[in-house]
Amino acid sequence: MCQLYVTAHDVHTVDGFLRYQNFLETTAQILPMHVLRAVGGSFYLIGVFVMIYNLLKTAKQGSFESDEAVEVAPMIKSASSGGWHHTLESKPVLFTALALVAILIGGVIEMVPTFLIRSNVPTIASVKPYTPLELEGRDIYIREGCVGCHSQMVRPFRSEVQRYDPSGGEYSKAGEYIYDHPFLWGSKRTGPDLHRVGGKYADSWHFRHMLTPAEVSNGSIMPAYPWLYEATVDKSTLPSKIAALRKIGVPYPDDYEKQALIDYEQQANGIVNRLKAEQYETVADAEIVALIAYLQRLGQDIKLKEQ
């Protein structure tokens, strides 16, 4: 009889180091599985088109009869009343209203307790709202579907912490997401978790990575995003975003909308100047600058206290 045991020695070496430190090694090994999944999905899609074709051919073979005679069996009134539920079912408007009342009662019972407490998530003093530039970068991150391949939650396991936050040693805390609207937790990891990627690489690394991923990360299957270097951020909606987030609890100062654009330009120019120092040219309004700002923010709100 063959038995499989998963122990700490399967994940770590005898010296205590993570056995599979490089995420790309895993990605390269499961590429055949990605291919098989694509083949299976192709068969599914082909089946949909075959079904549509079959339905069309079947419809064409029939003939439409506009004056077809219809015969319906006469209604026979039941001798029994059917009870109280029959009375409700025979009156759809009343039944709908009573069902709505029952649903509302359940909803109120669930929601009222959350309204009576200030917060059920432990707050972390060091966690601050996103800057205007980071906020725009986060929107770009969502728009491009990055969260579809990268989760943003380091699980509370030794191997997780060592792989994704080897320097600080912090797994993700609930309080770190308090200003995330919407949450980007996710569970899919075609690429590595990014919740601790902030500060791990230079701005120039992210600049090159989004343009030619394979040159920076050998074996990467991530696509390139060249349009981020040409497209510019529409900052006209930034004040309304700040105002909307304030209404749902994000503590931006009053009238911060007037200061937001100034802070945006200041932070963006800092990234542009750092890139220029390494011979990479871009402009402050480029979408790649906003995305870099957001990526560099991830995981920076908390740091492991020095022992």
C-alpha atoms as a PDB file:
ATOM      1  CA  MET A   1       0.000   0.000   0.000  1.00  0.00           C
ATOM      2  CA  CYS A   2       1.317   3.417  -0.992  1.00  0.00           C
ATOM      3  CA  GLN A   3       0.654   6.325   1.327  1.00  0.00           C
ATOM      4  CA  LEU A   4       1.431   9.998   0.801  1.00  0.00           C
ATOM      5  CA  TYR A   5       2.557  12.088   3.749  1.00  0.00           C
ATOM      6  CA  VAL A   6       2.936  15.850   3.460  1.00  0.00           C
ATOM      7  CA  THR A   7       5.230  17.180   6.163  1.00  0.00           C
ATOM      8  CA  ALA A   8       7.271  20.291   6.760  1.00  0.00           C
ATOM      9  CA  HIS A   9      10.211  18.532   5.085  1.00  0.00           C
ATOM     10  CA  ASP A  10       8.237  18.439   1.807  1.00  0.00           C
ATOM     11  CA  VAL A  11       7.970  22.242   1.778  1.00  0.00           C
ATOM     12  CA  HIS A  12      11.248  23.178   3.490  1.00  0.00           C
ATOM     13  CA  THR A  13      14.808  21.963   3.201  1.00  0.00           C
ATOM     14  CA  VAL A  14      16.668  20.455   6.145  1.00  0.00           C
ATOM     15  CA  ASP A  15      18.104  23.931   6.769  1.00  0.00           C
ATOM     16  CA  GLY A  16      14.631  25.397   7.133  1.00  0.00           C
ATOM     17  CA  PHE A  17      14.589  27.278   3.824  1.00  0.00           C
ATOM     18  CA  LEU A  18      11.670  27.151   1.433  1.00  0.00           C
ATOM     19  CA  ARG A  19      12.212  24.305  -1.017  1.00  0.00           C
ATOM     20  CA  TYR A  20      10.354  25.917  -3.931  1.00  0.00           C
ATOM     21  CA  GLN A  21      11.155  29.603  -3.534  1.00  0.00           C
ATOM     22  CA  ASN A  22      10.713  30.641  -7.162  1.00  0.00           C
ATOM     23  CA  PHE A  23       7.045  30.833  -8.159  1.00  0.00           C
ATOM     24  CA  LEU A  24       7.956  30.637 -11.839  1.00  0.00           C
ATOM     25  CA  GLU A  25       9.289  27.108 -11.354  1.00  0.00           C
ATOM     26  CA  THR A  26       5.795  25.996 -10.425  1.00  0.00           C
ATOM     27  CA  THR A  27       4.273  27.967 -13.293  1.00  0.00           C
ATOM     28  CA  ALA A  28       6.556  26.274 -15.803  1.00  0.00           C
ATOM     29  CA  GLN A  29       5.667  22.817 -14.465  1.00  0.00           C
ATOM     30  CA  ILE A  30       1.903  23.304 -14.778  1.00  0.00           C
ATOM     31  CA  LEU A  31       1.927  24.798 -18.286  1.00  0.00           C
ATOM     32  CA  PRO A  32       0.709  21.457 -19.783  1.00  0.00           C
ATOM     33  CA  MET A  33      -2.289  21.664 -17.440  1.00  0.00           C
ATOM     34  CA  HIS A  34      -3.085  25.136 -18.736  1.00  0.00           C
ATOM     35  CA  VAL A  35      -2.946  23.747 -22.286  1.00  0.00           C
ATOM     36  CA  LEU A  36      -5.285  20.884 -21.372  1.00  0.00           C
ATOM     37  CA  ARG A  37      -7.719  23.328 -19.790  1.00  0.00           C
ATOM     38  CA  ALA A  38      -7.660  25.437 -22.958  1.00  0.00           C
ATOM     39  CA  VAL A  39      -8.330  22.335 -25.076  1.00  0.00           C
ATOM     40  CA  GLY A  40     -11.225  21.319 -22.824  1.00  0.00           C
ATOM     41  CA  GLY A  41     -12.670  24.824 -22.993  1.00  0.00           C
ATOM     42  CA  SER A  42     -12.367  24.744 -26.775  1.00  0.00           C
ATOM     43  CA  PHE A  43     -14.417  21.544 -26.926  1.00  0.00           C
ATOM     44  CA  TYR A  44     -17.041  23.175 -24.722  1.00  0.00           C
ATOM     45  CA  LEU A  45     -17.166  26.251 -26.975  1.00  0.00           C
ATOM     46  CA  ILE A  46     -17.379  24.090 -30.097  1.00  0.00           C
ATOM     47  CA  GLY A  47     -20.285  22.246 -28.490  1.00  0.00           C
ATOM     48  CA  VAL A  48     -22.141  25.549 -28.042  1.00  0.00           C
ATOM     49  CA  PHE A  49     -21.779  26.380 -31.735  1.00  0.00           C
ATOM     50  CA  VAL A  50     -22.868  22.848 -32.709  1.00  0.00           C
ATOM     51  CA  MET A  51     -25.949  23.259 -30.502  1.00  0.00           C
ATOM     52  CA  ILE A  52     -26.810  26.601 -32.147  1.00  0.00           C
ATOM     53  CA  TYR A  53     -26.367  25.059 -35.592  1.00  0.00           C
ATOM     54  CA  ASN A  54     -28.564  22.100 -34.621  1.00  0.00           C
ATOM     55  CA  LEU A  55     -31.320  24.380 -33.304  1.00  0.00           C
ATOM     56  CA  LEU A  56     -31.308  26.465 -36.485  1.00  0.00           C
ATOM     57  CA  LYS A  57     -31.436  23.406 -38.740  1.00  0.00           C
ATOM     58  CA  THR A  58     -34.251  21.906 -36.664  1.00  0.00           C
ATOM     59  CA  ALA A  59     -36.245  25.143 -36.824  1.00  0.00           C
ATOM     60  CA  LYS A  60     -35.866  25.371 -40.595  1.00  0.00           C
ATOM     61  CA  GLN A  61     -37.226  21.851 -41.108  1.00  0.00           C
ATOM     62  CA  GLY A  62     -40.519  22.658 -39.367  1.00  0.00           C
ATOM     63  CA  SER A  63     -43.486  24.587 -40.704  1.00  0.00           C
ATOM     64  CA  PHE A  64     -45.489  27.321 -39.032  1.00  0.00           C
ATOM     65  CA  GLU A  65     -49.249  26.926 -38.705  1.00  0.00           C
ATOM     66  CA  SER A  66     -50.856  30.254 -37.886  1.00  0.00           C
ATOM     67  CA  ASP A  67     -54.451  28.962 -37.416  1.00  0.00           C
ATOM     68  CA  GLU A  68     -53.767  25.742 -35.575  1.00  0.00           C
ATOM     69  CA  ALA A  69     -56.784  24.502 -33.612  1.00  0.00           C
ATOM     70  CA  VAL A  70     -56.238  24.437 -29.878  1.00  0.00           C
ATOM     71  CA  GLU A  71     -58.069  22.067 -27.588  1.00  0.00           C
ATOM     72  CA  VAL A  72     -57.909  22.495 -23.828  1.00  0.00           C
ATOM     73  CA  ALA A  73     -59.347  20.115 -21.260  1.00  0.00           C
ATOM     74  CA  PRO A  74     -62.172  21.688 -19.239  1.00  0.00           C
ATOM     75  CA  MET A  75     -61.263  22.963 -15.782  1.00  0.00           C
ATOM     76  CA  ILE A  76     -62.636  20.821 -12.987  1.00  0.00           C
ATOM     77  CA  LYS A  77     -63.054  22.615  -9.686  1.00  0.00           C
ATOM     78  CA  SER A  78     -61.633  20.615  -6.805  1.00  0.00           C
ATOM     79  CA  ALA A  79     -64.037  19.712  -4.047  1.00  0.00           C
ATOM     80  CA  SER A  80     -61.443  20.387  -1.313  1.00  0.00           C
ATOM     81  CA  SER A  81     -60.298  23.921  -0.513  1.00  0.00           C
ATOM     82  CA  GLY A  82     -56.624  22.903  -0.418  1.00  0.00           C
ATOM     83  CA  GLY A  83     -55.968  24.574   2.901  1.00  0.00           C
ATOM     84  CA  TRP A  84     -54.553  27.984   3.794  1.00  0.00           C
ATOM     85  CA  HIS A  85     -51.569  27.674   1.483  1.00  0.00           C
ATOM     86  CA  HIS A  86     -53.915  27.177  -1.467  1.00  0.00           C
ATOM     87  CA  THR A  87     -55.583  30.457  -0.567  1.00  0.00           C
ATOM     88  CA  LEU A  88     -52.208  32.244  -0.626  1.00  0.00           C
ATOM     89  CA  GLU A  89     -51.066  30.588  -3.847  1.00  0.00           C
ATOM     90  CA  SER A  90     -54.287  31.596  -5.563  1.00  0.00           C
ATOM     91  CA  LYS A  91     -53.610  35.267  -4.766  1.00  0.00           C
ATOM     92  CA  PRO A  92     -50.190  36.048  -6.314  1.00  0.00           C
ATOM     93  CA  VAL A  93     -50.100  39.725  -5.305  1.00  0.00           C
ATOM     94  CA  LEU A  94     -50.774  38.950  -1.639  1.00  0.00           C
ATOM     95  CA  PHE A  95     -48.359  36.035  -1.673  1.00  0.00           C
ATOM     96  CA  THR A  96     -45.608  38.227  -3.207  1.00  0.00           C
ATOM     97  CA  ALA A  97     -46.164  40.941  -0.601  1.00  0.00           C
ATOM     98  CA  LEU A  98     -45.976  38.487   2.317  1.00  0.00           C
ATOM     99  CA  ALA A  99     -42.842  36.861   0.864  1.00  0.00           C
ATOM    100  CA  LEU A 100     -41.243  40.309   0.556  1.00  0.00           C
ATOM    101  CA  VAL A 101     -42.050  41.076   4.193  1.00  0.00           C
ATOM    102  CA  ALA A 102     -40.454  37.800   5.299  1.00  0.00           C
ATOM    103  CA  ILE A 103     -37.297  38.562   3.288  1.00  0.00           C
ATOM    104  CA  LEU A 104     -37.088  42.099   4.704  1.00  0.00           C
ATOM    105  CA  ILE A 105     -37.397  40.831   8.274  1.00  0.00           C
ATOM    106  CA  GLY A 106     -34.475  38.441   7.703  1.00  0.00           C
ATOM    107  CA  GLY A 107     -32.426  41.180   6.065  1.00  0.00           C
ATOM    108  CA  VAL A 108     -33.045  43.633   8.900  1.00  0.00           C
ATOM    109  CA  ILE A 109     -32.038  41.049  11.507  1.00  0.00           C
ATOM    110  CA  GLU A 110     -28.743  40.501   9.669  1.00  0.00           C
ATOM    111  CA  MET A 111     -27.929  44.144   8.888  1.00  0.00           C
ATOM    112  CA  VAL A 112     -28.979  46.042  12.026  1.00  0.00           C
ATOM    113  CA  PRO A 113     -26.173  44.588  14.219  1.00  0.00           C
ATOM    114  CA  THR A 114     -23.557  45.779  11.708  1.00  0.00           C
ATOM    115  CA  PHE A 115     -25.029  49.296  11.797  1.00  0.00           C
ATOM    116  CA  LEU A 116     -24.881  49.426  15.589  1.00  0.00           C
ATOM    117  CA  ILE A 117     -21.115  48.890  15.786  1.00  0.00           C
ATOM    118  CA  ARG A 118     -18.514  51.264  14.423  1.00  0.00           C
ATOM    119  CA  SER A 119     -16.434  48.550  12.812  1.00  0.00           C
ATOM    120  CA  ASN A 120     -16.094  44.797  13.064  1.00  0.00           C
ATOM    121  CA  VAL A 121     -12.615  44.905  11.521  1.00  0.00           C
ATOM    122  CA  PRO A 122      -9.642  45.694  13.806  1.00  0.00           C
ATOM    123  CA  THR A 123      -8.168  48.981  12.644  1.00  0.00           C
ATOM    124  CA  ILE A 124      -4.449  49.456  12.050  1.00  0.00           C
ATOM    125  CA  ALA A 125      -3.198  52.980  12.712  1.00  0.00           C
ATOM    126  CA  SER A 126      -0.535  52.810  10.006  1.00  0.00           C
ATOM    127  CA  VAL A 127      -3.030  51.909   7.263  1.00  0.00           C
ATOM    128  CA  LYS A 128      -3.875  55.054   5.314  1.00  0.00           C
ATOM    129  CA  PRO A 129      -6.125  55.708   2.282  1.00  0.00           C
ATOM    130  CA  TYR A 130      -4.611  55.417  -1.164  1.00  0.00           C
ATOM    131  CA  THR A 131      -3.065  58.550  -2.603  1.00  0.00           C
ATOM    132  CA  PRO A 132      -4.746  59.994  -5.734  1.00  0.00           C
ATOM    133  CA  LEU A 133      -2.049  58.495  -7.971  1.00  0.00           C
ATOM    134  CA  GLU A 134      -2.306  55.082  -6.293  1.00  0.00           C
ATOM    135  CA  LEU A 135      -6.085  55.250  -6.559  1.00  0.00           C
ATOM    136  CA  GLU A 136      -5.874  55.740 -10.324  1.00  0.00           C
ATOM    137  CA  GLY A 137      -3.289  52.967 -10.544  1.00  0.00           C
ATOM    138  CA  ARG A 138      -5.596  50.596  -8.673  1.00  0.00           C
ATOM    139  CA  ASP A 139      -8.395  51.326 -11.151  1.00  0.00           C
ATOM    140  CA  ILE A 140      -6.011  50.490 -14.004  1.00  0.00           C
ATOM    141  CA  TYR A 141      -4.990  47.280 -12.197  1.00  0.00           C
ATOM    142  CA  ILE A 142      -8.662  46.269 -11.983  1.00  0.00           C
ATOM    143  CA  ARG A 143      -9.409  47.322 -15.561  1.00  0.00           C
ATOM    144  CA  GLU A 144      -6.593  45.223 -17.002  1.00  0.00           C
ATOM    145  CA  GLY A 145      -7.758  42.116 -15.089  1.00  0.00           C
ATOM    146  CA  CYS A 146      -4.536  41.720 -13.108  1.00  0.00           C
ATOM    147  CA  VAL A 147      -6.486  40.362 -10.152  1.00  0.00           C
ATOM    148  CA  GLY A 148      -7.585  37.464 -12.368  1.00  0.00           C
ATOM    149  CA  CYS A 149      -4.068  35.991 -12.164  1.00  0.00           C
ATOM    150  CA  HIS A 150      -2.663  37.507  -8.964  1.00  0.00           C
ATOM    151  CA  SER A 151      -4.239  37.127  -5.552  1.00  0.00           C
ATOM    152  CA  GLN A 152      -3.686  39.810  -2.925  1.00  0.00           C
ATOM    153  CA  MET A 153      -3.658  37.931   0.340  1.00  0.00           C
ATOM    154  CA  VAL A 154      -0.664  36.280   1.976  1.00  0.00           C
ATOM    155  CA  ARG A 155      -2.193  33.399   3.942  1.00  0.00           C
ATOM    156  CA  PRO A 156      -1.092  32.813   7.557  1.00  0.00           C
ATOM    157  CA  PHE A 157       1.199  29.881   6.780  1.00  0.00           C
ATOM    158  CA  ARG A 158       4.936  29.701   7.233  1.00  0.00           C
ATOM    159  CA  SER A 159       5.584  28.799   3.600  1.00  0.00           C
ATOM    160  CA  GLU A 160       3.317  31.622   2.376  1.00  0.00           C
ATOM    161  CA  VAL A 161       5.047  34.238   4.494  1.00  0.00           C
ATOM    162  CA  GLN A 162       8.512  33.057   3.495  1.00  0.00           C
ATOM    163  CA  ARG A 163       7.653  33.116  -0.193  1.00  0.00           C
ATOM    164  CA  TYR A 164       5.815  36.428  -0.415  1.00  0.00           C
ATOM    165  CA  ASP A 165       7.163  38.459   2.492  1.00  0.00           C
ATOM    166  CA  PRO A 166      10.586  37.067   3.360  1.00  0.00           C
ATOM    167  CA  SER A 167      11.917  40.383   4.672  1.00  0.00           C
ATOM    168  CA  GLY A 168       9.058  41.523   6.888  1.00  0.00           C
ATOM    169  CA  GLY A 169       7.499  38.186   7.752  1.00  0.00           C
ATOM    170  CA  GLU A 170       3.918  39.474   7.855  1.00  0.00           C
ATOM    171  CA  TYR A 171       0.862  37.631   6.564  1.00  0.00           C
ATOM    172  CA  SER A 172      -2.083  39.765   5.425  1.00  0.00           C
ATOM    173  CA  LYS A 173      -4.257  41.377   8.084  1.00  0.00           C
ATOM    174  CA  ALA A 174      -7.968  42.193   7.705  1.00  0.00           C
ATOM    175  CA  GLY A 175      -7.319  45.802   8.709  1.00  0.00           C
ATOM    176  CA  GLU A 176      -5.095  46.332   5.675  1.00  0.00           C
ATOM    177  CA  TYR A 177      -8.101  46.116   3.349  1.00  0.00           C
ATOM    178  CA  ILE A 178     -10.379  48.518   5.193  1.00  0.00           C
ATOM    179  CA  TYR A 179     -10.085  51.196   2.477  1.00  0.00           C
ATOM    180  CA  ASP A 180     -10.238  48.762  -0.474  1.00  0.00           C
ATOM    181  CA  HIS A 181     -13.390  49.290  -2.517  1.00  0.00           C
ATOM    182  CA  PRO A 182     -13.872  46.749  -3.990  1.00  0.00           C
ATOM    183  CA  PHE A 183     -11.781  44.062  -2.310  1.00  0.00           C
ATOM    184  CA  LEU A 184      -9.268  42.292  -4.550  1.00  0.00           C
ATOM    185  CA  TRP A 185      -8.580  39.213  -2.445  1.00  0.00           C
ATOM    186  CA  GLY A 186      -8.995  36.501  -5.065  1.00  0.00           C
ATOM    187  CA  SER A 187      -7.584  32.991  -4.963  1.00  0.00           C
ATOM    188  CA  LYS A 188      -6.284  32.449  -8.505  1.00  0.00           C
ATOM    189  CA  ARG A 189      -2.519  32.283  -8.758  1.00  0.00           C
ATOM    190  CA  THR A 190      -1.381  31.904 -12.305  1.00  0.00           C
ATOM    191  CA  GLY A 191       1.133  34.478 -11.126  1.00  0.00           C
ATOM    192  CA  PRO A 192       2.470  35.041  -7.592  1.00  0.00           C
ATOM    193  CA  ASP A 193       0.630  36.856  -4.822  1.00  0.00           C
ATOM    194  CA  LEU A 194       1.289  40.609  -4.930  1.00  0.00           C
ATOM    195  CA  HIS A 195       0.173  41.850  -1.543  1.00  0.00           C
ATOM    196  CA  ARG A 196       3.774  42.311  -0.399  1.00  0.00           C
ATOM    197  CA  VAL A 197       5.319  43.367  -3.715  1.00  0.00           C
ATOM    198  CA  GLY A 198       5.566  47.044  -2.678  1.00  0.00           C
ATOM    199  CA  GLY A 199       9.176  48.145  -2.298  1.00  0.00           C
ATOM    200  CA  LYS A 200      10.487  44.747  -3.333  1.00  0.00           C
ATOM    201  CA  TYR A 201      11.629  46.016  -6.733  1.00  0.00           C
ATOM    202  CA  ALA A 202      12.685  49.384  -8.125  1.00  0.00           C
ATOM    203  CA  ASP A 203      10.282  51.477 -10.213  1.00  0.00           C
ATOM    204  CA  SER A 204      12.362  50.617 -13.270  1.00  0.00           C
ATOM    205  CA  TRP A 205      11.774  46.892 -12.674  1.00  0.00           C
ATOM    206  CA  HIS A 206       7.996  47.386 -12.863  1.00  0.00           C
ATOM    207  CA  PHE A 207       8.451  49.667 -15.899  1.00  0.00           C
ATOM    208  CA  ARG A 208      10.310  46.909 -17.765  1.00  0.00           C
ATOM    209  CA  HIS A 209       8.139  44.092 -16.412  1.00  0.00           C
ATOM    210  CA  MET A 210       4.885  45.490 -17.794  1.00  0.00           C
ATOM    211  CA  LEU A 211       6.492  46.003 -21.210  1.00  0.00           C
ATOM    212  CA  THR A 212       8.501  42.771 -21.584  1.00  0.00           C
ATOM    213  CA  PRO A 213       7.666  40.389 -18.698  1.00  0.00           C
ATOM    214  CA  ALA A 214       9.783  37.477 -19.899  1.00  0.00           C
ATOM    215  CA  GLU A 215      12.959  39.587 -19.993  1.00  0.00           C
ATOM    216  CA  VAL A 216      12.585  40.499 -16.325  1.00  0.00           C
ATOM    217  CA  SER A 217      11.132  37.213 -15.045  1.00  0.00           C
ATOM    218  CA  ASN A 218      12.585  34.314 -16.986  1.00  0.00           C
ATOM    219  CA  GLY A 219       9.838  31.852 -17.909  1.00  0.00           C
ATOM    220  CA  SER A 220       6.973  34.279 -17.283  1.00  0.00           C
ATOM    221  CA  ILE A 221       3.767  33.684 -19.270  1.00  0.00           C
ATOM    222  CA  MET A 222       2.350  37.102 -18.428  1.00  0.00           C
ATOM    223  CA  PRO A 223       1.294  39.170 -21.476  1.00  0.00           C
ATOM    224  CA  ALA A 224       2.790  42.572 -22.200  1.00  0.00           C
ATOM    225  CA  TYR A 225       0.855  45.812 -21.690  1.00  0.00           C
ATOM    226  CA  PRO A 226       2.438  48.271 -24.161  1.00  0.00           C
ATOM    227  CA  TRP A 227      -0.618  50.567 -24.275  1.00  0.00           C
ATOM    228  CA  LEU A 228       0.011  51.623 -20.669  1.00  0.00           C
ATOM    229  CA  TYR A 229       3.040  53.582 -21.891  1.00  0.00           C
ATOM    230  CA  GLU A 230       1.067  55.576 -24.468  1.00  0.00           C
ATOM    231  CA  ALA A 231      -2.319  56.042 -22.738  1.00  0.00           C
ATOM    232  CA  THR A 232      -2.743  58.841 -20.218  1.00  0.00           C
ATOM    233  CA  VAL A 233      -4.885  58.962 -17.091  1.00  0.00           C
ATOM    234  CA  ASP A 234      -8.171  60.867 -17.260  1.00  0.00           C
ATOM    235  CA  LYS A 235      -7.809  62.954 -14.106  1.00  0.00           C
ATOM    236  CA  SER A 236     -11.117  64.750 -14.583  1.00  0.00           C
ATOM    237  CA  THR A 237     -12.920  62.021 -12.624  1.00  0.00           C
ATOM    238  CA  LEU A 238     -10.448  62.035  -9.717  1.00  0.00           C
ATOM    239  CA  PRO A 239     -12.308  64.583  -7.534  1.00  0.00           C
ATOM    240  CA  SER A 240     -15.568  62.646  -7.871  1.00  0.00           C
ATOM    241  CA  LYS A 241     -13.783  59.407  -6.907  1.00  0.00           C
ATOM    242  CA  ILE A 242     -12.393  61.047  -3.782  1.00  0.00           C
ATOM    243  CA  ALA A 243     -15.845  62.365  -2.863  1.00  0.00           C
ATOM    244  CA  ALA A 244     -17.504  58.979  -3.440  1.00  0.00           C
ATOM    245  CA  LEU A 245     -14.950  57.136  -1.312  1.00  0.00           C
ATOM    246  CA  ARG A 246     -15.355  59.691   1.500  1.00  0.00           C
ATOM    247  CA  LYS A 247     -19.105  58.985   1.542  1.00  0.00           C
ATOM    248  CA  ILE A 248     -18.501  55.288   2.199  1.00  0.00           C
ATOM    249  CA  GLY A 249     -16.069  55.883   5.026  1.00  0.00           C
ATOM    250  CA  VAL A 250     -12.615  56.484   3.545  1.00  0.00           C
ATOM    251  CA  PRO A 251     -11.159  59.307   5.707  1.00  0.00           C
ATOM    252  CA  TYR A 252     -10.028  61.754   3.045  1.00  0.00           C
ATOM    253  CA  PRO A 253      -9.954  65.307   4.498  1.00  0.00           C
ATOM    254  CA  ASP A 254     -12.750  67.713   3.655  1.00  0.00           C
ATOM    255  CA  ASP A 255     -12.181  69.557   0.371  1.00  0.00           C
ATOM    256  CA  TYR A 256      -9.287  67.212  -0.417  1.00  0.00           C
ATOM    257  CA  GLU A 257     -10.514  67.241  -4.024  1.00  0.00           C
ATOM    258  CA  LYS A 258      -8.767  70.595  -4.449  1.00  0.00           C
ATOM    259  CA  GLN A 259      -5.458  69.162  -3.224  1.00  0.00           C
ATOM    260  CA  ALA A 260      -5.745  65.761  -4.924  1.00  0.00           C
ATOM    261  CA  LEU A 261      -4.439  66.854  -8.325  1.00  0.00           C
ATOM    262  CA  ILE A 262      -1.441  68.594  -6.734  1.00  0.00           C
ATOM    263  CA  ASP A 263      -0.548  65.468  -4.748  1.00  0.00           C
ATOM    264  CA  TYR A 264      -1.040  63.385  -7.885  1.00  0.00           C
ATOM    265  CA  GLU A 265       1.460  65.430  -9.870  1.00  0.00           C
ATOM    266  CA  GLN A 266       3.998  65.488  -7.043  1.00  0.00           C
ATOM    267  CA  GLN A 267       4.035  61.709  -6.560  1.00  0.00           C
ATOM    268  CA  ALA A 268       3.947  61.038 -10.306  1.00  0.00           C
ATOM    269  CA  ASN A 269       6.883  63.371 -10.958  1.00  0.00           C
ATOM    270  CA  GLY A 270       8.877  61.515  -8.293  1.00  0.00           C
ATOM    271  CA  ILE A 271       8.403  58.227 -10.159  1.00  0.00           C
ATOM    272  CA  VAL A 272       9.195  59.879 -13.508  1.00  0.00           C
ATOM    273  CA  ASN A 273      12.436  61.333 -12.117  1.00  0.00           C
ATOM    274  CA  ARG A 274      13.517  57.985 -10.651  1.00  0.00           C
ATOM    275  CA  LEU A 275      12.853  56.304 -13.983  1.00  0.00           C
ATOM    276  CA  LYS A 276      14.733  59.036 -15.839  1.00  0.00           C
ATOM    277  CA  ALA A 277      17.743  58.497 -13.591  1.00  0.00           C
ATOM    278  CA  GLU A 278      17.866  54.942 -14.978  1.00  0.00           C
ATOM    279  CA  GLN A 279      17.384  56.062 -18.588  1.00  0.00           C
ATOM    280  CA  TYR A 280      13.652  55.302 -18.859  1.00  0.00           C
ATOM    281  CA  GLU A 281      11.570  58.127 -20.304  1.00  0.00           C
ATOM    282  CA  THR A 282       7.858  58.632 -19.635  1.00  0.00           C
ATOM    283  CA  VAL A 283       5.425  61.380 -18.613  1.00  0.00           C
ATOM    284  CA  ALA A 284       3.658  61.942 -15.317  1.00  0.00           C
ATOM    285  CA  ASP A 285       0.194  61.350 -16.807  1.00  0.00           C
ATOM    286  CA  ALA A 286       1.092  57.962 -18.310  1.00  0.00           C
ATOM    287  CA  GLU A 287      -0.983  55.043 -17.031  1.00  0.00           C
ATOM    288  CA  ILE A 288       2.168  53.026 -16.356  1.00  0.00           C
ATOM    289  CA  VAL A 289       3.230  55.627 -13.763  1.00  0.00           C
ATOM    290  CA  ALA A 290      -0.054  55.288 -11.861  1.00  0.00           C
ATOM    291  CA  LEU A 291       0.159  51.494 -11.973  1.00  0.00           C
ATOM    292  CA  ILE A 292       3.726  51.535 -10.643  1.00  0.00           C
ATOM    293  CA  ALA A 293       2.601  53.767  -7.767  1.00  0.00           C
ATOM    294  CA  TYR A 294      -0.137  51.308  -6.809  1.00  0.00           C
ATOM    295  CA  LEU A 295       2.128  48.257  -7.008  1.00  0.00           C
ATOM    296  CA  GLN A 296       4.752  49.984  -4.882  1.00  0.00           C
ATOM    297  CA  ARG A 297       2.106  50.706  -2.238  1.00  0.00           C
ATOM    298  CA  LEU A 298       1.016  47.085  -1.744  1.00  0.00           C
ATOM    299  CA  GLY A 299       2.066  45.788   1.665  1.00  0.00           C
ATOM    300  CA  GLN A 300       3.766  49.017   2.706  1.00  0.00           C
ATOM    301  CA  ASP A 301       1.232  50.001   5.352  1.00  0.00           C
ATOM    302  CA  ILE A 302       2.523  47.536   7.929  1.00  0.00           C
ATOM    303  CA  LYS A 303       6.032  46.421   8.641  1.00  0.00           C
ATOM    304  CA  LEU A 304       7.308  43.868  11.123  1.00  0.00           C
ATOM    305  CA  LYS A 305       8.608  45.721  14.145  1.00  0.00           C
ATOM    306  CA  GLU A 306      12.304  45.531  14.587  1.00  0.00           C
ATOM    307  CA  GLN A 307      13.244  43.137  17.361  1.00  0.00           C
END
